[in-house]
PDB file of N, CA and C in Angstrom:
ATOM      1  N   MET A   1     -11.577  42.636  -4.823  1.00  0.00           N
ATOM      2  CA  MET A   1     -11.630  42.747  -5.592  1.00  0.00           C
ATOM      3  C   MET A   1     -10.233  42.984  -6.448  1.00  0.00           C
ATOM      4  N   SER A   2     -10.101  41.827  -7.106  1.00  0.00           N
ATOM      5  CA  SER A   2      -8.272  41.912  -7.797  1.00  0.00           C
ATOM      6  C   SER A   2      -7.949  43.323  -9.019  1.00  0.00           C
ATOM      7  N   ALA A   3      -6.563  43.346  -8.549  1.00  0.00           N
ATOM      8  CA  ALA A   3      -5.952  44.403  -9.169  1.00  0.00           C
ATOM      9  C   ALA A   3      -6.595  44.061 -11.045  1.00  0.00           C
ATOM     10  N   LEU A   4      -6.448  43.114 -11.532  1.00  0.00           N
ATOM     11  CA  LEU A   4      -7.073  42.465 -12.737  1.00  0.00           C
ATOM     12  C   LEU A   4      -8.202  43.415 -12.978  1.00  0.00           C
ATOM     13  N   ARG A   5      -9.335  43.173 -11.855  1.00  0.00           N
ATOM     14  CA  ARG A   5     -10.475  43.942 -12.239  1.00  0.00           C
ATOM     15  C   ARG A   5     -10.562  45.302 -12.432  1.00  0.00           C
ATOM     16  N   ILE A   6      -9.665  45.956 -11.023  1.00  0.00           N
ATOM     17  CA  ILE A   6      -9.409  47.427 -11.006  1.00  0.00           C
ATOM     18  C   ILE A   6      -9.193  48.185 -12.639  1.00  0.00           C
ATOM     19  N   GLU A   7      -7.906  47.525 -13.188  1.00  0.00           N
ATOM     20  CA  GLU A   7      -7.807  48.087 -14.513  1.00  0.00           C
ATOM     21  C   GLU A   7      -8.902  47.592 -15.402  1.00  0.00           C
ATOM     22  N   LEU A   8      -9.493  46.371 -14.988  1.00  0.00           N
ATOM     23  CA  LEU A   8     -10.777  46.905 -16.255  1.00  0.00           C
ATOM     24  C   LEU A   8     -11.803  47.918 -15.955  1.00  0.00           C
ATOM     25  N   LEU A   9     -12.247  48.942 -14.613  1.00  0.00           N
ATOM     26  CA  LEU A   9     -12.453  49.400 -14.137  1.00  0.00           C
ATOM     27  C   LEU A   9     -12.269  50.988 -14.648  1.00  0.00           C
ATOM     28  N   TRP A  10     -10.896  51.063 -14.856  1.00  0.00           N
ATOM     29  CA  TRP A  10     -10.240  52.460 -14.531  1.00  0.00           C
ATOM     30  C   TRP A  10      -9.742  52.884 -16.002  1.00  0.00           C
ATOM     31  N   PHE A  11     -10.224  51.787 -16.882  1.00  0.00           N
ATOM     32  CA  PHE A  11      -8.998  51.982 -18.446  1.00  0.00           C
ATOM     33  C   PHE A  11     -10.289  51.605 -19.320  1.00  0.00           C
ATOM     34  N   PRO A  12     -10.730  52.862 -20.432  1.00  0.00           N
ATOM     35  CA  PRO A  12     -11.197  52.850 -21.281  1.00  0.00           C
ATOM     36  C   PRO A  12     -10.981  51.543 -22.355  1.00  0.00           C
ATOM     37  N   ALA A  13     -12.026  51.211 -22.777  1.00  0.00           N
ATOM     38  CA  ALA A  13     -12.266  50.337 -24.012  1.00  0.00           C
ATOM     39  C   ALA A  13     -11.858  51.241 -25.313  1.00  0.00           C
ATOM     40  N   VAL A  14     -10.613  50.484 -26.117  1.00  0.00           N
ATOM     41  CA  VAL A  14     -10.691  50.593 -27.088  1.00  0.00           C
ATOM     42  C   VAL A  14     -10.626  49.902 -28.593  1.00  0.00           C
ATOM     43  N   GLN A  15     -11.543  50.365 -29.041  1.00  0.00           N
ATOM     44  CA  GLN A  15     -11.370  49.596 -30.479  1.00  0.00           C
ATOM     45  C   GLN A  15     -10.328  49.876 -31.204  1.00  0.00           C
ATOM     46  N   ASN A  16      -9.632  48.916 -31.962  1.00  0.00           N
ATOM     47  CA  ASN A  16      -8.466  48.813 -33.089  1.00  0.00           C
ATOM     48  C   ASN A  16      -8.940  48.688 -34.256  1.00  0.00           C
ATOM     49  N   SER A  17      -8.088  48.300 -35.302  1.00  0.00           N
ATOM     50  CA  SER A  17      -8.689  48.436 -36.601  1.00  0.00           C
ATOM     51  C   SER A  17      -9.226  47.284 -36.745  1.00  0.00           C
ATOM     52  N   ASP A  18      -9.301  46.319 -36.281  1.00  0.00           N
ATOM     53  CA  ASP A  18     -10.176  44.946 -36.695  1.00  0.00           C
ATOM     54  C   ASP A  18     -10.716  45.166 -36.000  1.00  0.00           C
ATOM     55  N   GLY A  19     -11.757  45.949 -35.142  1.00  0.00           N
ATOM     56  CA  GLY A  19     -12.834  46.110 -34.712  1.00  0.00           C
ATOM     57  C   GLY A  19     -13.053  45.728 -33.239  1.00  0.00           C
ATOM     58  N   GLU A  20     -11.543  44.917 -32.863  1.00  0.00           N
ATOM     59  CA  GLU A  20     -11.619  44.108 -31.829  1.00  0.00           C
ATOM     60  C   GLU A  20     -11.145  45.571 -29.875  1.00  0.00           C
ATOM     61  N   LEU A  21     -11.534  44.551 -29.073  1.00  0.00           N
ATOM     62  CA  LEU A  21     -11.364  46.030 -28.050  1.00  0.00           C
ATOM     63  C   LEU A  21      -9.741  45.817 -27.733  1.00  0.00           C
ATOM     64  N   VAL A  22      -9.161  46.720 -27.159  1.00  0.00           N
ATOM     65  CA  VAL A  22      -7.766  46.859 -26.834  1.00  0.00           C
ATOM     66  C   VAL A  22      -7.341  46.178 -25.532  1.00  0.00           C
ATOM     67  N   LEU A  23      -7.974  46.213 -24.320  1.00  0.00           N
ATOM     68  CA  LEU A  23      -7.987  45.807 -23.119  1.00  0.00           C
ATOM     69  C   LEU A  23      -8.207  44.395 -23.166  1.00  0.00           C
ATOM     70  N   SER A  24      -9.125  44.555 -23.787  1.00  0.00           N
ATOM     71  CA  SER A  24      -9.760  42.804 -23.501  1.00  0.00           C
ATOM     72  C   SER A  24      -8.927  42.115 -24.528  1.00  0.00           C
ATOM     73  N   ARG A  25      -7.958  42.620 -25.033  1.00  0.00           N
ATOM     74  CA  ARG A  25      -6.632  41.196 -26.166  1.00  0.00           C
ATOM     75  C   ARG A  25      -5.772  41.327 -25.026  1.00  0.00           C
ATOM     76  N   ILE A  26      -4.759  42.788 -24.169  1.00  0.00           N
ATOM     77  CA  ILE A  26      -4.048  42.747 -23.336  1.00  0.00           C
ATOM     78  C   ILE A  26      -3.888  41.634 -22.676  1.00  0.00           C
ATOM     79  N   LEU A  27      -4.978  41.692 -21.845  1.00  0.00           N
ATOM     80  CA  LEU A  27      -5.734  40.685 -20.636  1.00  0.00           C
ATOM     81  C   LEU A  27      -5.404  38.708 -21.084  1.00  0.00           C
ATOM     82  N   ARG A  28      -6.472  38.871 -22.015  1.00  0.00           N
ATOM     83  CA  ARG A  28      -5.869  37.661 -22.866  1.00  0.00           C
ATOM     84  C   ARG A  28      -5.539  37.835 -23.400  1.00  0.00           C
ATOM     85  N   THR A  29      -3.870  38.466 -23.729  1.00  0.00           N
ATOM     86  CA  THR A  29      -2.324  37.495 -23.980  1.00  0.00           C
ATOM     87  C   THR A  29      -1.564  37.545 -22.400  1.00  0.00           C
ATOM     88  N   GLU A  30      -1.847  38.315 -21.450  1.00  0.00           N
ATOM     89  CA  GLU A  30      -1.535  38.378 -19.914  1.00  0.00           C
ATOM     90  C   GLU A  30      -2.155  36.526 -19.919  1.00  0.00           C
ATOM     91  N   HIS A  31      -3.368  36.542 -19.339  1.00  0.00           N
ATOM     92  CA  HIS A  31      -3.870  35.625 -19.058  1.00  0.00           C
ATOM     93  C   HIS A  31      -3.052  34.401 -19.678  1.00  0.00           C
ATOM     94  N   ALA A  32      -2.977  34.507 -21.718  1.00  0.00           N
ATOM     95  CA  ALA A  32      -2.338  33.564 -22.037  1.00  0.00           C
ATOM     96  C   ALA A  32      -1.179  32.991 -21.395  1.00  0.00           C
ATOM     97  N   MET A  33      -0.465  33.891 -21.076  1.00  0.00           N
ATOM     98  CA  MET A  33       1.147  33.572 -20.433  1.00  0.00           C
ATOM     99  C   MET A  33       1.118  32.716 -19.989  1.00  0.00           C
ATOM    100  N   ASN A  34      -0.129  33.156 -18.851  1.00  0.00           N
ATOM    101  CA  ASN A  34       0.082  32.200 -16.824  1.00  0.00           C
ATOM    102  C   ASN A  34      -0.820  30.799 -17.982  1.00  0.00           C
ATOM    103  N   LEU A  35      -1.616  30.445 -18.959  1.00  0.00           N
ATOM    104  CA  LEU A  35      -1.833  29.461 -19.013  1.00  0.00           C
ATOM    105  C   LEU A  35      -0.682  28.507 -20.127  1.00  0.00           C
ATOM    106  N   GLU A  36       0.105  29.207 -20.876  1.00  0.00           N
ATOM    107  CA  GLU A  36       1.098  28.480 -21.571  1.00  0.00           C
ATOM    108  C   GLU A  36       2.076  27.626 -20.474  1.00  0.00           C
ATOM    109  N   LYS A  37       2.041  28.793 -19.735  1.00  0.00           N
ATOM    110  CA  LYS A  37       2.905  27.925 -18.380  1.00  0.00           C
ATOM    111  C   LYS A  37       2.844  26.584 -17.787  1.00  0.00           C
ATOM    112  N   LEU A  38       1.326  26.868 -17.116  1.00  0.00           N
ATOM    113  CA  LEU A  38       0.715  25.677 -16.739  1.00  0.00           C
ATOM    114  C   LEU A  38       0.697  24.446 -17.585  1.00  0.00           C
ATOM    115  N   MET A  39       0.626  24.963 -18.786  1.00  0.00           N
ATOM    116  CA  MET A  39       0.479  24.037 -19.649  1.00  0.00           C
ATOM    117  C   MET A  39       2.120  22.658 -20.186  1.00  0.00           C
ATOM    118  N   SER A  40       3.088  23.749 -20.245  1.00  0.00           N
ATOM    119  CA  SER A  40       4.333  23.793 -20.713  1.00  0.00           C
ATOM    120  C   SER A  40       4.855  22.345 -18.810  1.00  0.00           C
ATOM    121  N   MET A  41       4.367  22.857 -17.923  1.00  0.00           N
ATOM    122  CA  MET A  41       4.566  22.805 -16.874  1.00  0.00           C
ATOM    123  C   MET A  41       3.735  21.048 -16.741  1.00  0.00           C
ATOM    124  N   THR A  42       3.038  20.707 -16.927  1.00  0.00           N
ATOM    125  CA  THR A  42       1.863  20.182 -16.713  1.00  0.00           C
ATOM    126  C   THR A  42       2.246  18.948 -18.125  1.00  0.00           C
ATOM    127  N   MET A  43       2.433  19.245 -19.473  1.00  0.00           N
ATOM    128  CA  MET A  43       3.372  17.837 -20.269  1.00  0.00           C
ATOM    129  C   MET A  43       4.835  17.640 -19.921  1.00  0.00           C
ATOM    130  N   ARG A  44       5.017  18.891 -19.374  1.00  0.00           N
ATOM    131  CA  ARG A  44       6.949  18.391 -18.332  1.00  0.00           C
ATOM    132  C   ARG A  44       6.920  17.140 -17.693  1.00  0.00           C
ATOM    133  N   VAL A  45       5.808  17.394 -16.770  1.00  0.00           N
ATOM    134  CA  VAL A  45       5.973  16.263 -15.134  1.00  0.00           C
ATOM    135  C   VAL A  45       4.731  15.123 -16.034  1.00  0.00           C
ATOM    136  N   LEU A  46       3.655  15.062 -16.917  1.00  0.00           N
ATOM    137  CA  LEU A  46       3.208  14.121 -17.767  1.00  0.00           C
ATOM    138  C   LEU A  46       4.639  13.313 -18.331  1.00  0.00           C
ATOM    139  N   PHE A  47       5.483  13.817 -19.055  1.00  0.00           N
ATOM    140  CA  PHE A  47       6.358  13.250 -19.711  1.00  0.00           C
ATOM    141  C   PHE A  47       7.051  12.248 -18.679  1.00  0.00           C
ATOM    142  N   VAL A  48       7.757  13.400 -18.063  1.00  0.00           N
ATOM    143  CA  VAL A  48       8.511  12.426 -16.942  1.00  0.00           C
ATOM    144  C   VAL A  48       8.193  11.492 -16.134  1.00  0.00           C
ATOM    145  N   GLY A  49       6.650  11.347 -16.190  1.00  0.00           N
ATOM    146  CA  GLY A  49       5.570  10.672 -15.064  1.00  0.00           C
ATOM    147  C   GLY A  49       5.537   8.936 -15.840  1.00  0.00           C
ATOM    148  N   SER A  50       4.931   9.395 -17.569  1.00  0.00           N
ATOM    149  CA  SER A  50       5.389   8.499 -18.139  1.00  0.00           C
ATOM    150  C   SER A  50       6.441   7.850 -18.629  1.00  0.00           C
ATOM    151  N   LEU A  51       7.543   8.178 -18.541  1.00  0.00           N
ATOM    152  CA  LEU A  51       8.685   7.520 -18.565  1.00  0.00           C
ATOM    153  C   LEU A  51       9.265   7.158 -16.996  1.00  0.00           C
ATOM    154  N   VAL A  52       8.928   7.758 -15.928  1.00  0.00           N
ATOM    155  CA  VAL A  52       9.078   7.015 -15.129  1.00  0.00           C
ATOM    156  C   VAL A  52       8.277   5.725 -15.025  1.00  0.00           C
ATOM    157  N   LEU A  53       7.043   5.566 -15.573  1.00  0.00           N
ATOM    158  CA  LEU A  53       6.295   4.367 -15.582  1.00  0.00           C
ATOM    159  C   LEU A  53       6.425   3.148 -16.379  1.00  0.00           C
ATOM    160  N   LEU A  54       7.362   4.123 -17.751  1.00  0.00           N
ATOM    161  CA  LEU A  54       7.997   2.806 -18.582  1.00  0.00           C
ATOM    162  C   LEU A  54       8.947   2.314 -17.810  1.00  0.00           C
ATOM    163  N   ALA A  55      10.007   2.885 -16.973  1.00  0.00           N
ATOM    164  CA  ALA A  55      10.847   2.363 -16.438  1.00  0.00           C
ATOM    165  C   ALA A  55      10.236   1.554 -15.362  1.00  0.00           C
ATOM    166  N   ILE A  56      10.118   1.694 -14.592  1.00  0.00           N
ATOM    167  CA  ILE A  56       9.119   0.882 -13.839  1.00  0.00           C
ATOM    168  C   ILE A  56       8.477  -0.555 -14.352  1.00  0.00           C
ATOM    169  N   ALA A  57       7.479  -0.516 -15.452  1.00  0.00           N
ATOM    170  CA  ALA A  57       7.334  -1.852 -16.234  1.00  0.00           C
ATOM    171  C   ALA A  57       7.780  -2.520 -16.810  1.00  0.00           C
ATOM    172  N   VAL A  58       9.083  -1.824 -17.264  1.00  0.00           N
ATOM    173  CA  VAL A  58      10.509  -2.841 -17.930  1.00  0.00           C
ATOM    174  C   VAL A  58      10.971  -3.084 -17.155  1.00  0.00           C
ATOM    175  N   LEU A  59      11.114  -2.668 -15.927  1.00  0.00           N
ATOM    176  CA  LEU A  59      11.791  -3.618 -15.115  1.00  0.00           C
ATOM    177  C   LEU A  59      10.958  -4.563 -13.942  1.00  0.00           C
ATOM    178  N   GLU A  60       9.713  -4.285 -13.757  1.00  0.00           N
ATOM    179  CA  GLU A  60       9.036  -5.486 -13.522  1.00  0.00           C
ATOM    180  C   GLU A  60       9.022  -6.189 -14.032  1.00  0.00           C
ATOM    181  N   ARG A  61       8.746  -6.521 -15.368  1.00  0.00           N
ATOM    182  CA  ARG A  61       8.800  -6.985 -16.574  1.00  0.00           C
ATOM    183  C   ARG A  61       9.636  -8.511 -16.229  1.00  0.00           C
ATOM    184  N   LEU A  62      11.306  -7.748 -16.181  1.00  0.00           N
ATOM    185  CA  LEU A  62      12.223  -8.749 -16.044  1.00  0.00           C
ATOM    186  C   LEU A  62      12.356  -9.127 -14.620  1.00  0.00           C
ATOM    187  N   LEU A  63      12.028  -8.600 -13.860  1.00  0.00           N
ATOM    188  CA  LEU A  63      12.490  -8.839 -12.703  1.00  0.00           C
ATOM    189  C   LEU A  63      11.125 -10.416 -12.408  1.00  0.00           C
ATOM    190  N   ASN A  64      10.032 -10.188 -12.910  1.00  0.00           N
ATOM    191  CA  ASN A  64       9.137 -11.250 -13.345  1.00  0.00           C
ATOM    192  C   ASN A  64       9.602 -12.819 -13.530  1.00  0.00           C
ATOM    193  N   LEU A  65      10.441 -12.028 -15.029  1.00  0.00           N
ATOM    194  CA  LEU A  65      11.069 -13.050 -15.043  1.00  0.00           C
ATOM    195  C   LEU A  65      11.794 -13.928 -14.643  1.00  0.00           C
ATOM    196  N   LEU A  66      12.641 -13.153 -13.265  1.00  0.00           N
ATOM    197  CA  LEU A  66      13.153 -13.856 -12.772  1.00  0.00           C
ATOM    198  C   LEU A  66      12.787 -14.321 -11.216  1.00  0.00           C
ATOM    199  N   GLY A  67      11.410 -14.024 -11.108  1.00  0.00           N
ATOM    200  CA  GLY A  67      10.603 -14.721  -9.825  1.00  0.00           C
ATOM    201  C   GLY A  67      10.289 -13.627  -9.105  1.00  0.00           C
ATOM    202  N   TYR A  68      10.758 -12.430  -8.992  1.00  0.00           N
ATOM    203  CA  TYR A  68      10.676 -11.753  -8.198  1.00  0.00           C
ATOM    204  C   TYR A  68       9.713 -10.613  -8.830  1.00  0.00           C
ATOM    205  N   THR A  69       9.081  -9.689  -7.820  1.00  0.00           N
ATOM    206  CA  THR A  69       8.096  -8.495  -7.952  1.00  0.00           C
ATOM    207  C   THR A  69       8.869  -7.717  -7.405  1.00  0.00           C
ATOM    208  N   ILE A  70       8.084  -6.589  -7.814  1.00  0.00           N
ATOM    209  CA  ILE A  70       8.516  -4.810  -6.895  1.00  0.00           C
ATOM    210  C   ILE A  70       7.346  -4.246  -6.370  1.00  0.00           C
ATOM    211  N   LEU A  71       6.162  -4.558  -7.767  1.00  0.00           N
ATOM    212  CA  LEU A  71       4.971  -4.065  -7.158  1.00  0.00           C
ATOM    213  C   LEU A  71       4.122  -4.736  -5.869  1.00  0.00           C
ATOM    214  N   PRO A  72       3.863  -3.804  -5.076  1.00  0.00           N
ATOM    215  CA  PRO A  72       2.963  -4.862  -3.721  1.00  0.00           C
ATOM    216  C   PRO A  72       1.588  -5.245  -4.108  1.00  0.00           C
ATOM    217  N   ASP A  73       0.890  -4.767  -5.454  1.00  0.00           N
ATOM    218  CA  ASP A  73      -0.413  -5.259  -5.956  1.00  0.00           C
ATOM    219  C   ASP A  73      -0.613  -5.860  -6.814  1.00  0.00           C
ATOM    220  N   ALA A  74      -1.100  -7.143  -7.224  1.00  0.00           N
ATOM    221  CA  ALA A  74      -1.007  -8.072  -7.939  1.00  0.00           C
ATOM    222  C   ALA A  74      -1.550  -7.304  -9.361  1.00  0.00           C
ATOM    223  N   ALA A  75      -2.777  -7.034  -9.235  1.00  0.00           N
ATOM    224  CA  ALA A  75      -3.476  -6.001 -10.420  1.00  0.00           C
ATOM    225  C   ALA A  75      -2.765  -5.278 -10.892  1.00  0.00           C
ATOM    226  N   THR A  76      -1.252  -4.613 -10.180  1.00  0.00           N
ATOM    227  CA  THR A  76      -0.775  -3.756 -11.393  1.00  0.00           C
ATOM    228  C   THR A  76      -0.368  -4.558 -12.007  1.00  0.00           C
ATOM    229  N   SER A  77      -0.275  -4.634 -13.111  1.00  0.00           N
ATOM    230  CA  SER A  77       1.011  -5.407 -14.265  1.00  0.00           C
ATOM    231  C   SER A  77       1.989  -4.986 -14.761  1.00  0.00           C
ATOM    232  N   PRO A  78       2.659  -5.201 -15.197  1.00  0.00           N
ATOM    233  CA  PRO A  78       3.952  -3.734 -16.095  1.00  0.00           C
ATOM    234  C   PRO A  78       2.726  -3.429 -17.383  1.00  0.00           C
ATOM    235  N   GLY A  79       2.092  -4.660 -17.650  1.00  0.00           N
ATOM    236  CA  GLY A  79       1.182  -4.009 -18.951  1.00  0.00           C
ATOM    237  C   GLY A  79      -0.316  -3.056 -18.716  1.00  0.00           C
ATOM    238  N   ARG A  80      -0.107  -2.671 -17.249  1.00  0.00           N
ATOM    239  CA  ARG A  80      -1.412  -1.510 -17.133  1.00  0.00           C
ATOM    240  C   ARG A  80      -0.485  -0.477 -16.774  1.00  0.00           C
ATOM    241  N   LEU A  81       0.988  -0.574 -15.894  1.00  0.00           N
ATOM    242  CA  LEU A  81       1.359   0.607 -15.998  1.00  0.00           C
ATOM    243  C   LEU A  81       1.777   0.957 -17.406  1.00  0.00           C
ATOM    244  N   LEU A  82       2.026   0.165 -18.608  1.00  0.00           N
ATOM    245  CA  LEU A  82       2.260   0.833 -19.856  1.00  0.00           C
ATOM    246  C   LEU A  82       0.971   1.306 -20.514  1.00  0.00           C
ATOM    247  N   GLU A  83      -0.461   0.874 -20.512  1.00  0.00           N
ATOM    248  CA  GLU A  83      -1.407   1.642 -20.789  1.00  0.00           C
ATOM    249  C   GLU A  83      -1.412   3.045 -19.631  1.00  0.00           C
ATOM    250  N   PHE A  84      -0.751   3.429 -18.671  1.00  0.00           N
ATOM    251  CA  PHE A  84      -0.884   4.376 -18.079  1.00  0.00           C
ATOM    252  C   PHE A  84       0.049   5.842 -18.650  1.00  0.00           C
ATOM    253  N   ALA A  85       0.924   4.883 -19.044  1.00  0.00           N
ATOM    254  CA  ALA A  85       1.937   5.745 -19.376  1.00  0.00           C
ATOM    255  C   ALA A  85       2.028   6.310 -20.501  1.00  0.00           C
ATOM    256  N   THR A  86       0.913   5.021 -21.431  1.00  0.00           N
ATOM    257  CA  THR A  86       0.428   5.929 -22.897  1.00  0.00           C
ATOM    258  C   THR A  86      -0.402   6.924 -23.011  1.00  0.00           C
ATOM    259  N   MET A  87      -1.245   6.742 -21.894  1.00  0.00           N
ATOM    260  CA  MET A  87      -2.508   8.008 -21.556  1.00  0.00           C
ATOM    261  C   MET A  87      -1.813   8.743 -21.644  1.00  0.00           C
ATOM    262  N   PHE A  88      -1.098   9.166 -20.962  1.00  0.00           N
ATOM    263  CA  PHE A  88      -0.283  10.058 -19.960  1.00  0.00           C
ATOM    264  C   PHE A  88       0.391  11.086 -21.557  1.00  0.00           C
ATOM    265  N   LEU A  89       0.963   9.950 -22.224  1.00  0.00           N
ATOM    266  CA  LEU A  89       1.900  10.378 -23.436  1.00  0.00           C
ATOM    267  C   LEU A  89       1.252  10.902 -24.815  1.00  0.00           C
ATOM    268  N   VAL A  90       0.047  10.404 -24.595  1.00  0.00           N
ATOM    269  CA  VAL A  90      -1.385  10.760 -25.212  1.00  0.00           C
ATOM    270  C   VAL A  90      -1.847  12.015 -25.263  1.00  0.00           C
ATOM    271  N   VAL A  91      -1.669  12.545 -23.989  1.00  0.00           N
ATOM    272  CA  VAL A  91      -2.142  13.525 -23.580  1.00  0.00           C
ATOM    273  C   VAL A  91      -1.134  15.143 -23.986  1.00  0.00           C
ATOM    274  N   VAL A  92       0.171  14.469 -23.465  1.00  0.00           N
ATOM    275  CA  VAL A  92       1.741  15.374 -23.627  1.00  0.00           C
ATOM    276  C   VAL A  92       1.498  15.822 -25.294  1.00  0.00           C
ATOM    277  N   ILE A  93       0.420  14.770 -26.262  1.00  0.00           N
ATOM    278  CA  ILE A  93       0.547  14.850 -27.901  1.00  0.00           C
ATOM    279  C   ILE A  93      -0.413  15.923 -28.270  1.00  0.00           C
ATOM    280  N   ALA A  94      -1.125  15.816 -27.361  1.00  0.00           N
ATOM    281  CA  ALA A  94      -2.720  16.585 -27.529  1.00  0.00           C
ATOM    282  C   ALA A  94      -2.160  17.954 -27.278  1.00  0.00           C
ATOM    283  N   PHE A  95      -1.481  18.325 -26.244  1.00  0.00           N
ATOM    284  CA  PHE A  95      -0.585  19.522 -25.978  1.00  0.00           C
ATOM    285  C   PHE A  95       0.232  20.859 -26.016  1.00  0.00           C
ATOM    286  N   LEU A  96       1.003  19.414 -27.279  1.00  0.00           N
ATOM    287  CA  LEU A  96       1.423  19.899 -28.503  1.00  0.00           C
ATOM    288  C   LEU A  96       1.339  20.495 -29.789  1.00  0.00           C
ATOM    289  N   LEU A  97       0.436  19.236 -30.152  1.00  0.00           N
ATOM    290  CA  LEU A  97      -0.324  19.737 -31.456  1.00  0.00           C
ATOM    291  C   LEU A  97      -1.427  21.016 -31.429  1.00  0.00           C
ATOM    292  N   ARG A  98      -1.623  21.534 -30.000  1.00  0.00           N
ATOM    293  CA  ARG A  98      -2.560  22.690 -29.375  1.00  0.00           C
ATOM    294  C   ARG A  98      -1.685  23.737 -29.999  1.00  0.00           C
ATOM    295  N   GLN A  99      -0.223  23.731 -29.608  1.00  0.00           N
ATOM    296  CA  GLN A  99       0.738  24.681 -29.417  1.00  0.00           C
ATOM    297  C   GLN A  99       1.546  24.245 -30.821  1.00  0.00           C
ATOM    298  N   VAL A 100       1.374  23.631 -31.774  1.00  0.00           N
ATOM    299  CA  VAL A 100       2.128  23.558 -32.906  1.00  0.00           C
ATOM    300  C   VAL A 100       0.488  24.893 -34.136  1.00  0.00           C
ATOM    301  N   ARG A 101      -0.687  24.104 -33.616  1.00  0.00           N
ATOM    302  CA  ARG A 101      -1.655  24.919 -33.738  1.00  0.00           C
ATOM    303  C   ARG A 101      -2.273  26.382 -33.835  1.00  0.00           C
ATOM    304  N   ASP A 102      -1.735  26.962 -32.761  1.00  0.00           N
ATOM    305  CA  ASP A 102      -1.772  28.247 -32.219  1.00  0.00           C
ATOM    306  C   ASP A 102      -0.151  29.328 -32.921  1.00  0.00           C
ATOM    307  N   GLU A 103       0.684  28.117 -32.786  1.00  0.00           N
ATOM    308  CA  GLU A 103       1.737  28.661 -33.703  1.00  0.00           C
ATOM    309  C   GLU A 103       1.586  29.064 -35.134  1.00  0.00           C
ATOM    310  N   LEU A 104       0.767  28.411 -35.840  1.00  0.00           N
ATOM    311  CA  LEU A 104       0.249  28.383 -37.105  1.00  0.00           C
ATOM    312  C   LEU A 104      -0.592  29.446 -37.325  1.00  0.00           C
ATOM    313  N   ARG A 105      -1.567  29.689 -36.699  1.00  0.00           N
ATOM    314  CA  ARG A 105      -2.884  30.602 -36.532  1.00  0.00           C
ATOM    315  C   ARG A 105      -1.598  31.910 -36.728  1.00  0.00           C
ATOM    316  N   HIS A 106      -1.071  32.014 -35.252  1.00  0.00           N
ATOM    317  CA  HIS A 106      -0.291  33.128 -35.640  1.00  0.00           C
ATOM    318  C   HIS A 106       0.770  33.755 -35.910  1.00  0.00           C
ATOM    319  N   ALA A 107       1.107  32.431 -37.055  1.00  0.00           N
ATOM    320  CA  ALA A 107       1.945  32.711 -38.358  1.00  0.00           C
ATOM    321  C   ALA A 107       1.606  33.280 -39.576  1.00  0.00           C
ATOM    322  N   HIS A 108       0.119  32.998 -39.528  1.00  0.00           N
ATOM    323  CA  HIS A 108      -1.299  33.235 -40.981  1.00  0.00           C
ATOM    324  C   HIS A 108      -1.444  34.653 -41.027  1.00  0.00           C
ATOM    325  N   ARG A 109      -0.943  35.388 -39.261  1.00  0.00           N
ATOM    326  CA  ARG A 109      -1.861  36.787 -39.186  1.00  0.00           C
ATOM    327  C   ARG A 109      -0.802  37.885 -39.825  1.00  0.00           C
TER     328      ARG A 109
END
C-alpha cells in the first residue's frame, strides 16, 4: 500500500461549506502539482523538439538547393519535418490553453 492510500484510511473525511470533502481536495491538489510539473516538462520537450525539427528542415532545404543532403532517407523531406514540428507546436498550444482556462476558472472563485 502506498503512503497516500494509508492516509486515506486513517484521516476522516470532513465536508467544507461547499459540501466537498476536504481530504479529497487536498489529494487532488497534491496530484495536480505532479500533473502540472509533468505537463510543463512535456511542453518544454515538445517545444524544443519542434525548434530542432524546424532547424533541421531549414538546413536540409538549403543544402538541397546546393545539391547535398543530411537526411539519410529520401522519404523524410523538409516539408515532412515541418509537419512534425507543427504537430508538436499544436500540442504545446493545447497545453497552454488548458493552463489559461484553469487559471481563469480559479480567478473567478
